N, C-alpha and C. Protein backbone atom coordinates (compact mmCIF):
# COMPACT_ATOMS: atom_id res chain seq x y z
N MET A 1 65.13 124.08 66.62
CA MET A 1 64.23 125.01 67.57
C MET A 1 63.17 125.82 66.45
N ALA A 2 61.85 125.41 67.39
CA ALA A 2 60.97 126.34 66.44
C ALA A 2 60.82 128.35 67.11
N LYS A 3 61.21 128.75 65.98
CA LYS A 3 60.73 129.77 66.70
C LYS A 3 59.64 130.55 67.37
N GLU A 4 59.48 131.92 68.14
CA GLU A 4 58.51 131.98 69.27
C GLU A 4 57.71 133.36 68.19
N PHE A 5 56.53 133.25 67.75
CA PHE A 5 55.90 134.69 67.48
C PHE A 5 54.87 135.18 68.31
N LEU A 6 54.62 136.38 67.90
CA LEU A 6 53.38 136.79 68.77
C LEU A 6 52.21 136.72 67.54
N LYS A 7 51.04 136.11 67.98
CA LYS A 7 50.03 136.14 67.09
C LYS A 7 48.89 136.80 68.07
N MET A 8 47.96 137.44 66.66
CA MET A 8 47.26 138.69 67.31
C MET A 8 46.76 138.74 68.90
N LYS A 9 46.13 137.64 68.93
CA LYS A 9 45.46 137.27 70.02
C LYS A 9 46.52 137.65 71.53
N ASP A 10 47.55 137.18 71.26
CA ASP A 10 48.76 138.08 72.25
C ASP A 10 48.89 139.30 72.70
N PHE A 11 48.32 140.40 71.26
CA PHE A 11 48.67 141.56 71.38
C PHE A 11 47.55 142.08 72.80
N PRO A 12 47.42 143.23 73.37
CA PRO A 12 46.68 143.46 73.83
C PRO A 12 45.16 144.11 73.23
N ARG A 13 44.22 144.25 73.29
CA ARG A 13 43.39 144.27 72.49
C ARG A 13 43.63 145.58 71.70
N GLU A 14 43.57 146.74 73.05
CA GLU A 14 43.35 148.40 71.99
C GLU A 14 44.62 148.42 71.25
N GLU A 15 45.74 147.03 70.54
CA GLU A 15 46.80 147.63 70.14
C GLU A 15 46.65 146.83 68.98
N ARG A 16 45.63 145.88 68.68
CA ARG A 16 45.23 144.95 67.22
C ARG A 16 44.99 145.89 66.36
N PRO A 17 45.16 146.02 65.04
CA PRO A 17 45.22 146.49 63.84
C PRO A 17 43.35 146.48 63.84
N ARG A 18 43.04 146.04 63.84
CA ARG A 18 40.91 145.75 63.54
C ARG A 18 40.53 146.75 64.32
N GLU A 19 40.83 146.48 65.60
CA GLU A 19 40.65 147.59 66.93
C GLU A 19 40.84 148.95 66.89
N ARG A 20 42.43 149.17 66.44
CA ARG A 20 42.68 150.56 66.24
C ARG A 20 42.12 150.96 64.90
N PHE A 21 41.89 150.31 64.08
CA PHE A 21 41.09 150.83 62.80
C PHE A 21 39.77 151.51 63.16
N MET A 22 38.67 150.69 64.32
CA MET A 22 38.04 151.10 64.16
C MET A 22 37.83 152.11 65.77
N ASN A 23 38.81 152.37 66.30
CA ASN A 23 38.25 153.18 66.80
C ASN A 23 39.20 154.82 66.79
N PHE A 24 40.50 154.82 65.89
CA PHE A 24 41.24 155.74 65.27
C PHE A 24 40.75 156.19 63.70
N GLY A 25 40.37 154.99 63.12
CA GLY A 25 40.40 154.55 61.72
C GLY A 25 41.40 154.26 60.79
N PRO A 26 41.47 154.37 59.49
CA PRO A 26 42.73 153.87 58.82
C PRO A 26 43.95 154.26 58.41
N GLU A 27 43.56 155.71 58.94
CA GLU A 27 45.01 156.03 59.23
C GLU A 27 45.67 156.19 60.07
N SER A 28 45.49 155.44 60.50
CA SER A 28 45.75 155.29 62.41
C SER A 28 47.20 154.08 62.22
N LEU A 29 47.13 153.25 61.24
CA LEU A 29 47.40 152.11 60.94
C LEU A 29 48.68 151.65 59.37
N SER A 30 49.61 151.13 59.52
CA SER A 30 50.57 151.81 58.81
C SER A 30 49.77 150.34 57.39
N ASN A 31 51.12 150.49 56.31
CA ASN A 31 50.21 149.68 55.17
C ASN A 31 50.66 147.81 55.35
N GLN A 32 51.18 147.67 56.26
CA GLN A 32 51.58 146.35 56.71
C GLN A 32 50.33 145.91 57.68
N GLU A 33 49.68 146.80 58.81
CA GLU A 33 48.88 146.74 59.48
C GLU A 33 47.46 146.27 58.92
N LEU A 34 47.26 147.41 57.63
CA LEU A 34 46.36 147.31 56.64
C LEU A 34 45.75 146.18 55.93
N LEU A 35 47.51 145.78 55.21
CA LEU A 35 47.13 144.59 54.56
C LEU A 35 46.92 143.07 55.49
N ALA A 36 47.44 143.09 56.51
CA ALA A 36 47.37 141.81 58.02
C ALA A 36 45.63 142.44 57.71
N ILE A 37 45.28 143.07 58.01
CA ILE A 37 43.60 142.76 58.08
C ILE A 37 43.27 141.93 57.10
N LEU A 38 43.41 142.46 55.95
CA LEU A 38 43.07 141.64 54.92
C LEU A 38 43.42 140.42 54.73
N LEU A 39 44.58 140.31 54.98
CA LEU A 39 45.01 138.60 55.14
C LEU A 39 44.11 137.80 55.82
N ARG A 40 43.72 138.06 57.33
CA ARG A 40 43.23 137.93 58.68
C ARG A 40 44.26 136.60 59.28
N THR A 41 44.96 136.01 59.10
CA THR A 41 45.76 135.19 59.27
C THR A 41 46.92 134.96 58.85
N GLY A 42 47.81 134.11 59.42
CA GLY A 42 49.06 134.12 59.16
C GLY A 42 49.41 132.43 58.39
N THR A 43 50.75 132.14 59.22
CA THR A 43 50.96 130.71 58.92
C THR A 43 51.27 130.03 60.48
N LYS A 44 51.89 128.60 59.97
CA LYS A 44 52.40 128.00 61.67
C LYS A 44 53.85 128.39 61.75
N GLU A 45 54.14 129.19 60.69
CA GLU A 45 55.69 129.80 61.20
C GLU A 45 55.55 131.45 61.33
N GLU A 46 54.69 131.94 61.00
CA GLU A 46 54.98 133.36 61.25
C GLU A 46 53.53 134.14 61.29
N SER A 47 53.16 135.43 62.35
CA SER A 47 51.93 135.79 62.33
C SER A 47 51.71 136.12 61.15
N VAL A 48 50.38 136.66 61.07
CA VAL A 48 49.93 137.65 59.99
C VAL A 48 50.90 139.07 59.78
N LEU A 49 50.98 139.35 60.66
CA LEU A 49 51.61 141.12 60.53
C LEU A 49 52.97 140.84 59.46
N GLN A 50 53.84 139.55 60.30
CA GLN A 50 55.07 139.06 59.95
C GLN A 50 54.69 138.81 58.09
N LEU A 51 53.69 138.18 57.67
CA LEU A 51 53.17 137.74 56.56
C LEU A 51 53.03 138.91 55.57
N ALA A 52 52.56 139.85 56.20
CA ALA A 52 52.28 141.15 55.57
C ALA A 52 53.86 141.98 55.31
N ASN A 53 54.03 141.88 56.48
CA ASN A 53 55.31 142.48 55.78
C ASN A 53 56.54 141.54 54.66
N ARG A 54 56.43 140.94 54.92
CA ARG A 54 57.04 140.03 53.88
C ARG A 54 56.58 139.97 52.34
N ILE A 55 55.56 140.36 52.38
CA ILE A 55 54.97 140.46 50.61
C ILE A 55 55.47 142.08 50.80
N LEU A 56 55.16 142.83 51.68
CA LEU A 56 55.54 144.40 50.95
C LEU A 56 56.90 144.54 50.75
N ILE A 57 57.63 143.81 51.71
CA ILE A 57 59.45 144.05 50.90
C ILE A 57 59.20 143.04 49.82
N HIS A 58 58.50 142.10 49.39
CA HIS A 58 58.87 141.06 48.10
C HIS A 58 58.38 142.43 46.82
N PHE A 59 57.21 143.20 47.48
CA PHE A 59 57.07 143.67 46.08
C PHE A 59 57.14 145.32 46.17
N ASP A 60 58.49 145.65 47.14
CA ASP A 60 58.48 146.87 47.38
C ASP A 60 57.76 147.68 48.17
N GLY A 61 56.78 147.51 47.79
CA GLY A 61 55.60 148.46 48.91
C GLY A 61 54.36 148.39 48.24
N LEU A 62 53.47 149.35 48.53
CA LEU A 62 52.44 149.00 47.37
C LEU A 62 51.65 149.33 46.27
N ARG A 63 52.61 150.44 45.93
CA ARG A 63 52.59 150.34 44.35
C ARG A 63 52.94 149.33 43.65
N MET A 64 54.06 148.97 43.67
CA MET A 64 54.14 147.35 43.07
C MET A 64 53.40 146.13 43.30
N LEU A 65 53.03 146.08 44.32
CA LEU A 65 51.67 144.89 45.01
C LEU A 65 50.87 145.33 44.05
N LYS A 66 50.14 146.75 43.84
CA LYS A 66 48.71 147.35 43.14
C LYS A 66 49.13 146.44 41.46
N GLY A 67 50.50 146.31 41.09
CA GLY A 67 50.54 145.48 39.86
C GLY A 67 50.93 143.75 39.52
N ALA A 68 50.77 143.55 40.82
CA ALA A 68 51.15 142.23 41.11
C ALA A 68 49.96 141.33 40.50
N THR A 69 50.42 139.89 40.03
CA THR A 69 49.29 138.53 39.67
C THR A 69 49.31 137.72 40.04
N LEU A 70 47.73 137.33 39.86
CA LEU A 70 47.71 136.05 40.82
C LEU A 70 49.12 135.21 41.24
N SER A 71 49.34 134.56 39.67
CA SER A 71 50.91 133.70 40.07
C SER A 71 51.94 133.98 40.80
N GLU A 72 52.18 135.44 40.92
CA GLU A 72 53.49 135.91 41.66
C GLU A 72 53.07 136.36 43.32
N LEU A 73 51.78 136.15 43.74
CA LEU A 73 51.07 136.27 44.74
C LEU A 73 51.44 134.84 45.32
N THR A 74 50.71 133.82 44.54
CA THR A 74 50.80 132.59 45.32
C THR A 74 52.20 131.86 45.08
N SER A 75 52.76 132.15 44.38
CA SER A 75 54.67 131.61 44.61
C SER A 75 55.07 132.48 45.88
N ILE A 76 54.55 133.24 46.85
CA ILE A 76 55.00 133.46 48.11
C ILE A 76 54.47 132.67 49.01
N LYS A 77 55.06 131.98 50.13
CA LYS A 77 55.09 130.77 50.86
C LYS A 77 53.74 131.68 51.68
N GLY A 78 52.88 130.89 52.02
CA GLY A 78 51.75 131.53 53.22
C GLY A 78 50.84 132.50 52.05
N ILE A 79 51.36 132.40 51.00
CA ILE A 79 49.69 133.07 50.47
C ILE A 79 49.22 132.40 48.90
N GLY A 80 47.60 131.33 49.25
CA GLY A 80 47.21 130.67 48.79
C GLY A 80 46.42 131.47 47.85
N LYS A 81 45.56 130.76 46.63
CA LYS A 81 44.86 131.58 45.83
C LYS A 81 43.62 132.14 46.34
N ALA A 82 43.22 131.56 47.44
CA ALA A 82 42.20 132.81 48.71
C ALA A 82 42.64 133.47 48.68
N LYS A 83 43.61 133.90 49.30
CA LYS A 83 44.28 135.30 50.21
C LYS A 83 44.91 136.21 48.65
N ALA A 84 45.57 135.73 47.61
CA ALA A 84 45.49 136.35 46.65
C ALA A 84 44.66 136.84 46.21
N ILE A 85 43.32 136.36 45.57
CA ILE A 85 42.31 136.89 45.52
C ILE A 85 41.81 138.13 46.31
N GLN A 86 42.03 138.09 47.48
CA GLN A 86 41.46 138.60 48.84
C GLN A 86 42.67 140.38 48.19
N ILE A 87 43.41 140.06 48.29
CA ILE A 87 44.36 140.95 47.96
C ILE A 87 44.57 141.62 46.77
N LEU A 88 44.71 141.54 45.35
CA LEU A 88 43.78 141.38 44.21
C LEU A 88 42.76 142.38 44.57
N SER A 89 41.61 142.03 44.88
CA SER A 89 40.44 142.66 45.31
C SER A 89 40.48 143.46 45.23
N ALA A 90 41.19 143.74 46.26
CA ALA A 90 40.84 145.34 47.72
C ALA A 90 42.09 146.33 46.91
N ILE A 91 42.83 145.42 46.15
CA ILE A 91 43.96 147.05 45.30
C ILE A 91 43.28 147.10 44.43
């Protein structure tokens, strides 16, 4: 049985990370939400917020993510070269 998850479009507009960023600034968002904005999309199995959270858990937060390599990022399910490059470029 497939798991159900909330997509960004399922959230009320004012609770979405991009809108909160515009209305309240980046300091109002968690690292997970900021990373989700960079990623833009999740996978068929998980939302972008779940994917962002899994990345942060894998690297034990942003400090270790900062030192990640392209191959380390692409080894994570749901992260291809394009998303890995986006993350590395932003960090």
